[in-house]
Amino acid sequence: LRIGAWTVRGLTQAHNQSLLGSDCERYQLDIMCLQETKCTVPTDQRISNQYRLIIMEQRDSRHGGLGFVISPKVLPWIKSNNYVSDRVAFLDLLIPNSGGRETNNRIINAYG
């Protein structure tokens, strides 16, 4: 499982959002945590290469903003995505291991 983080410094244009799937594919990332999206409207949509883009709502400011880009391989493992604050969000995953059992995992996206 390959995870990255990116301070995007603005992701309000649809064109820039659509490129994120290609960026993740180029760097072979399964999950990318996004910071500083500056998006005020939450979204959950499919983008290029069947990646899923989740942008969390912002309640207290317009300068931060968090999100996730998730690869098609990881999508079946996502149990939930959760907003904690404008600076903290997390994904809960149920990932199968080689023995056939599933393990609970949490990916935390925190922006300081």
N, C-alpha and C. Protein backbone atom coordinates (compact mmCIF):
# COMPACT_ATOMS: atom_id res chain seq x y z
N LEU A 1 0.86 -1.18 0.00
CA LEU A 1 0.00 0.00 0.00
C LEU A 1 0.90 1.23 0.00
N ARG A 2 0.76 2.06 -1.02
CA ARG A 2 1.59 3.26 -1.14
C ARG A 2 0.73 4.49 -0.88
N ILE A 3 1.19 5.29 0.08
CA ILE A 3 0.44 6.47 0.52
C ILE A 3 1.33 7.70 0.39
N GLY A 4 0.75 8.79 -0.10
CA GLY A 4 1.49 10.04 -0.22
C GLY A 4 0.66 11.20 0.31
N ALA A 5 1.31 12.34 0.45
CA ALA A 5 0.63 13.57 0.88
C ALA A 5 1.06 14.69 -0.05
N TRP A 6 0.12 15.59 -0.32
CA TRP A 6 0.40 16.68 -1.24
C TRP A 6 -0.32 17.94 -0.77
N THR A 7 0.44 19.01 -0.58
CA THR A 7 -0.13 20.32 -0.30
C THR A 7 -0.41 20.96 -1.66
N VAL A 8 -1.67 20.93 -2.08
CA VAL A 8 -2.02 21.33 -3.45
C VAL A 8 -2.17 22.84 -3.63
N ARG A 9 -2.37 23.59 -2.56
CA ARG A 9 -2.50 25.05 -2.58
C ARG A 9 -3.60 25.52 -3.53
N GLY A 10 -4.71 24.81 -3.47
CA GLY A 10 -5.87 25.19 -4.27
C GLY A 10 -6.25 24.10 -5.24
N LEU A 11 -7.51 23.69 -5.15
CA LEU A 11 -8.01 22.62 -6.01
C LEU A 11 -9.45 22.94 -6.41
N THR A 12 -9.72 24.20 -6.64
CA THR A 12 -11.09 24.62 -6.91
C THR A 12 -11.50 24.43 -8.36
N GLN A 13 -10.54 24.27 -9.27
CA GLN A 13 -10.88 24.10 -10.68
C GLN A 13 -11.05 22.62 -11.02
N ALA A 14 -12.11 22.31 -11.73
CA ALA A 14 -12.42 20.92 -12.09
C ALA A 14 -11.29 20.28 -12.90
N HIS A 15 -10.65 21.05 -13.75
CA HIS A 15 -9.56 20.51 -14.56
C HIS A 15 -8.42 19.99 -13.68
N ASN A 16 -8.05 20.76 -12.67
CA ASN A 16 -6.98 20.33 -11.76
C ASN A 16 -7.40 19.09 -10.97
N GLN A 17 -8.65 19.02 -10.58
CA GLN A 17 -9.14 17.85 -9.86
C GLN A 17 -9.04 16.60 -10.73
N SER A 18 -9.38 16.75 -12.01
CA SER A 18 -9.40 15.59 -12.90
C SER A 18 -8.01 15.02 -13.15
N LEU A 19 -6.97 15.82 -13.00
CA LEU A 19 -5.60 15.36 -13.24
C LEU A 19 -5.03 14.53 -12.10
N LEU A 20 -5.66 14.56 -10.95
CA LEU A 20 -5.11 13.88 -9.77
C LEU A 20 -4.98 12.37 -9.95
N GLY A 21 -5.91 11.75 -10.65
CA GLY A 21 -5.82 10.31 -10.89
C GLY A 21 -4.58 9.96 -11.69
N SER A 22 -4.28 10.76 -12.69
CA SER A 22 -3.08 10.54 -13.49
C SER A 22 -1.82 10.75 -12.66
N ASP A 23 -1.84 11.76 -11.80
CA ASP A 23 -0.69 12.00 -10.92
C ASP A 23 -0.45 10.82 -9.99
N CYS A 24 -1.52 10.30 -9.42
CA CYS A 24 -1.38 9.14 -8.52
C CYS A 24 -0.86 7.93 -9.28
N GLU A 25 -1.33 7.74 -10.48
CA GLU A 25 -0.87 6.61 -11.28
C GLU A 25 0.61 6.76 -11.63
N ARG A 26 1.01 7.97 -11.99
CA ARG A 26 2.41 8.22 -12.35
C ARG A 26 3.35 7.90 -11.18
N TYR A 27 2.94 8.26 -9.97
CA TYR A 27 3.78 8.02 -8.79
C TYR A 27 3.44 6.71 -8.08
N GLN A 28 2.57 5.93 -8.67
CA GLN A 28 2.16 4.61 -8.17
C GLN A 28 1.63 4.69 -6.73
N LEU A 29 0.75 5.67 -6.48
CA LEU A 29 0.15 5.85 -5.17
C LEU A 29 -1.23 5.21 -5.12
N ASP A 30 -1.50 4.54 -4.02
CA ASP A 30 -2.83 3.97 -3.80
C ASP A 30 -3.75 4.97 -3.11
N ILE A 31 -3.18 5.77 -2.22
CA ILE A 31 -3.93 6.81 -1.53
C ILE A 31 -3.07 8.06 -1.47
N MET A 32 -3.66 9.18 -1.87
CA MET A 32 -2.98 10.46 -1.72
C MET A 32 -3.81 11.32 -0.77
N CYS A 33 -3.18 11.81 0.28
CA CYS A 33 -3.83 12.74 1.21
C CYS A 33 -3.58 14.15 0.70
N LEU A 34 -4.64 14.93 0.57
CA LEU A 34 -4.54 16.29 0.04
C LEU A 34 -4.72 17.30 1.17
N GLN A 35 -3.88 18.33 1.16
CA GLN A 35 -4.03 19.44 2.09
C GLN A 35 -4.12 20.75 1.31
N GLU A 36 -4.70 21.74 1.94
CA GLU A 36 -4.87 23.08 1.38
C GLU A 36 -5.64 23.05 0.06
N THR A 37 -6.75 22.33 0.03
CA THR A 37 -7.55 22.28 -1.19
C THR A 37 -8.24 23.61 -1.47
N LYS A 38 -8.55 24.35 -0.43
CA LYS A 38 -9.26 25.64 -0.51
C LYS A 38 -10.66 25.49 -1.11
N CYS A 39 -11.17 24.27 -1.10
CA CYS A 39 -12.53 24.01 -1.60
C CYS A 39 -13.51 24.17 -0.44
N THR A 40 -14.58 24.89 -0.67
CA THR A 40 -15.56 25.10 0.38
C THR A 40 -16.75 24.14 0.26
N VAL A 41 -16.87 23.48 -0.87
CA VAL A 41 -17.98 22.55 -1.10
C VAL A 41 -17.43 21.12 -1.11
N PRO A 42 -17.96 20.24 -0.27
CA PRO A 42 -17.48 18.86 -0.28
C PRO A 42 -17.87 18.15 -1.57
N THR A 43 -17.04 17.20 -1.97
CA THR A 43 -17.34 16.43 -3.18
C THR A 43 -16.84 15.01 -3.02
N ASP A 44 -17.47 14.11 -3.72
CA ASP A 44 -17.07 12.70 -3.78
C ASP A 44 -17.36 12.25 -5.20
N GLN A 45 -16.32 12.10 -6.00
CA GLN A 45 -16.53 11.82 -7.42
C GLN A 45 -15.43 10.94 -8.00
N ARG A 46 -15.74 10.31 -9.12
CA ARG A 46 -14.74 9.57 -9.88
C ARG A 46 -14.01 10.56 -10.76
N ILE A 47 -12.68 10.38 -10.84
CA ILE A 47 -11.87 11.23 -11.70
C ILE A 47 -11.09 10.32 -12.66
N SER A 48 -10.08 10.85 -13.31
CA SER A 48 -9.35 10.10 -14.33
C SER A 48 -8.83 8.76 -13.80
N ASN A 49 -8.80 7.79 -14.68
CA ASN A 49 -8.29 6.45 -14.40
C ASN A 49 -9.06 5.73 -13.29
N GLN A 50 -10.33 6.08 -13.12
CA GLN A 50 -11.23 5.45 -12.15
C GLN A 50 -10.84 5.69 -10.69
N TYR A 51 -10.00 6.68 -10.44
CA TYR A 51 -9.68 7.07 -9.06
C TYR A 51 -10.88 7.79 -8.46
N ARG A 52 -10.95 7.78 -7.15
CA ARG A 52 -12.03 8.47 -6.44
C ARG A 52 -11.45 9.67 -5.72
N LEU A 53 -12.07 10.82 -5.89
CA LEU A 53 -11.66 12.05 -5.23
C LEU A 53 -12.69 12.39 -4.16
N ILE A 54 -12.22 12.52 -2.93
CA ILE A 54 -13.08 12.95 -1.82
C ILE A 54 -12.50 14.25 -1.29
N ILE A 55 -13.30 15.30 -1.32
CA ILE A 55 -12.90 16.57 -0.73
C ILE A 55 -13.84 16.83 0.44
N MET A 56 -13.25 17.02 1.60
CA MET A 56 -14.02 17.24 2.83
C MET A 56 -14.56 18.67 2.89
N GLU A 57 -15.64 18.82 3.63
CA GLU A 57 -16.19 20.16 3.82
C GLU A 57 -15.25 20.98 4.69
N GLN A 58 -15.37 22.30 4.57
CA GLN A 58 -14.67 23.22 5.46
C GLN A 58 -15.72 24.00 6.22
N ARG A 59 -15.57 24.02 7.52
CA ARG A 59 -16.57 24.72 8.33
C ARG A 59 -16.06 26.03 8.90
N ASP A 60 -14.75 26.12 9.14
CA ASP A 60 -14.24 27.28 9.87
C ASP A 60 -13.35 28.22 9.08
N SER A 61 -12.85 27.80 7.93
CA SER A 61 -11.97 28.69 7.17
C SER A 61 -12.04 28.36 5.69
N ARG A 62 -11.44 29.23 4.90
CA ARG A 62 -11.37 28.99 3.46
C ARG A 62 -9.92 28.81 3.02
N HIS A 63 -9.02 28.69 3.98
CA HIS A 63 -7.60 28.64 3.64
C HIS A 63 -7.03 27.22 3.67
N GLY A 64 -7.69 26.31 4.34
CA GLY A 64 -7.19 24.95 4.45
C GLY A 64 -7.94 24.03 3.52
N GLY A 65 -8.44 22.97 4.08
CA GLY A 65 -9.21 22.00 3.31
C GLY A 65 -8.44 20.72 3.09
N LEU A 66 -9.11 19.59 3.28
CA LEU A 66 -8.49 18.28 3.17
C LEU A 66 -9.23 17.41 2.17
N GLY A 67 -8.54 16.42 1.66
CA GLY A 67 -9.18 15.47 0.76
C GLY A 67 -8.33 14.22 0.60
N PHE A 68 -8.86 13.29 -0.17
CA PHE A 68 -8.17 12.03 -0.46
C PHE A 68 -8.39 11.69 -1.93
N VAL A 69 -7.38 11.09 -2.54
CA VAL A 69 -7.51 10.47 -3.85
C VAL A 69 -7.22 8.99 -3.61
N ILE A 70 -8.13 8.13 -4.08
CA ILE A 70 -8.05 6.70 -3.77
C ILE A 70 -8.05 5.91 -5.07
N SER A 71 -7.11 4.97 -5.18
CA SER A 71 -6.98 4.17 -6.40
C SER A 71 -8.10 3.14 -6.49
N PRO A 72 -8.40 2.68 -7.71
CA PRO A 72 -9.44 1.66 -7.88
C PRO A 72 -9.12 0.37 -7.12
N LYS A 73 -7.84 0.04 -6.97
CA LYS A 73 -7.44 -1.17 -6.25
C LYS A 73 -7.87 -1.12 -4.78
N VAL A 74 -7.82 0.07 -4.18
CA VAL A 74 -8.09 0.24 -2.75
C VAL A 74 -9.57 0.51 -2.47
N LEU A 75 -10.31 0.96 -3.46
CA LEU A 75 -11.72 1.34 -3.25
C LEU A 75 -12.55 0.28 -2.53
N PRO A 76 -12.41 -1.02 -2.85
CA PRO A 76 -13.23 -2.01 -2.15
C PRO A 76 -12.91 -2.13 -0.65
N TRP A 77 -11.77 -1.65 -0.24
CA TRP A 77 -11.35 -1.76 1.16
C TRP A 77 -11.82 -0.58 2.02
N ILE A 78 -12.33 0.48 1.41
CA ILE A 78 -12.74 1.67 2.15
C ILE A 78 -14.03 1.39 2.91
N LYS A 79 -13.98 1.55 4.22
CA LYS A 79 -15.18 1.41 5.05
C LYS A 79 -15.86 2.76 5.23
N SER A 80 -15.06 3.81 5.46
CA SER A 80 -15.65 5.14 5.67
C SER A 80 -14.59 6.21 5.51
N ASN A 81 -15.07 7.43 5.22
CA ASN A 81 -14.21 8.61 5.28
C ASN A 81 -14.84 9.56 6.27
N ASN A 82 -14.01 10.20 7.08
CA ASN A 82 -14.52 10.95 8.21
C ASN A 82 -13.86 12.31 8.34
N TYR A 83 -14.69 13.32 8.52
CA TYR A 83 -14.25 14.69 8.80
C TYR A 83 -14.18 14.84 10.32
N VAL A 84 -13.05 15.32 10.83
CA VAL A 84 -12.92 15.64 12.25
C VAL A 84 -12.95 17.15 12.43
N SER A 85 -12.16 17.85 11.63
CA SER A 85 -12.12 19.31 11.64
C SER A 85 -11.57 19.77 10.30
N ASP A 86 -11.46 21.07 10.11
CA ASP A 86 -10.90 21.58 8.87
C ASP A 86 -9.45 21.15 8.68
N ARG A 87 -8.84 20.63 9.73
CA ARG A 87 -7.43 20.25 9.67
C ARG A 87 -7.18 18.76 9.90
N VAL A 88 -8.21 17.98 10.17
CA VAL A 88 -8.03 16.54 10.42
C VAL A 88 -9.18 15.76 9.78
N ALA A 89 -8.81 14.72 9.02
CA ALA A 89 -9.78 13.79 8.43
C ALA A 89 -9.12 12.42 8.39
N PHE A 90 -9.93 11.37 8.26
CA PHE A 90 -9.33 10.05 8.17
C PHE A 90 -10.18 9.11 7.34
N LEU A 91 -9.50 8.07 6.83
CA LEU A 91 -10.13 6.97 6.11
C LEU A 91 -10.01 5.73 6.96
N ASP A 92 -11.07 4.95 7.07
CA ASP A 92 -11.01 3.63 7.69
C ASP A 92 -11.07 2.60 6.58
N LEU A 93 -10.15 1.64 6.64
CA LEU A 93 -10.04 0.59 5.62
C LEU A 93 -10.07 -0.78 6.29
N LEU A 94 -10.62 -1.73 5.59
CA LEU A 94 -10.60 -3.14 5.98
C LEU A 94 -9.82 -3.88 4.90
N ILE A 95 -8.54 -4.17 5.19
CA ILE A 95 -7.63 -4.69 4.18
C ILE A 95 -7.39 -6.18 4.40
N PRO A 96 -7.60 -6.99 3.36
CA PRO A 96 -7.33 -8.43 3.49
C PRO A 96 -5.82 -8.68 3.54
N ASN A 97 -5.41 -9.66 4.38
CA ASN A 97 -4.00 -10.02 4.40
C ASN A 97 -3.80 -11.34 3.67
N SER A 98 -2.56 -11.80 3.60
CA SER A 98 -2.26 -12.99 2.81
C SER A 98 -2.90 -14.25 3.39
N GLY A 99 -3.26 -14.24 4.68
CA GLY A 99 -3.91 -15.40 5.30
C GLY A 99 -5.41 -15.41 5.13
N GLY A 100 -5.94 -14.41 4.41
CA GLY A 100 -7.37 -14.37 4.18
C GLY A 100 -8.15 -13.61 5.24
N ARG A 101 -7.48 -13.16 6.27
CA ARG A 101 -8.15 -12.37 7.30
C ARG A 101 -8.10 -10.89 6.93
N GLU A 102 -9.00 -10.13 7.50
CA GLU A 102 -9.05 -8.70 7.22
C GLU A 102 -8.56 -7.93 8.45
N THR A 103 -7.83 -6.84 8.21
CA THR A 103 -7.33 -6.01 9.30
C THR A 103 -7.89 -4.60 9.16
N ASN A 104 -8.23 -4.00 10.29
CA ASN A 104 -8.68 -2.62 10.32
C ASN A 104 -7.47 -1.69 10.25
N ASN A 105 -7.57 -0.69 9.42
CA ASN A 105 -6.50 0.29 9.25
C ASN A 105 -7.12 1.68 9.17
N ARG A 106 -6.38 2.67 9.64
CA ARG A 106 -6.83 4.05 9.58
C ARG A 106 -5.73 4.91 8.99
N ILE A 107 -6.07 5.69 7.98
CA ILE A 107 -5.16 6.66 7.37
C ILE A 107 -5.62 8.03 7.84
N ILE A 108 -4.75 8.73 8.55
CA ILE A 108 -5.08 10.05 9.10
C ILE A 108 -4.42 11.12 8.22
N ASN A 109 -5.21 12.09 7.83
CA ASN A 109 -4.75 13.23 7.06
C ASN A 109 -4.86 14.45 7.97
N ALA A 110 -3.70 14.96 8.41
CA ALA A 110 -3.69 16.10 9.33
C ALA A 110 -2.86 17.22 8.71
N TYR A 111 -3.38 18.40 8.83
CA TYR A 111 -2.75 19.59 8.25
C TYR A 111 -2.50 20.59 9.36
N GLY A 112 -1.25 21.01 9.52
CA GLY A 112 -0.89 21.93 10.61
C GLY A 112 -0.77 23.28 10.16
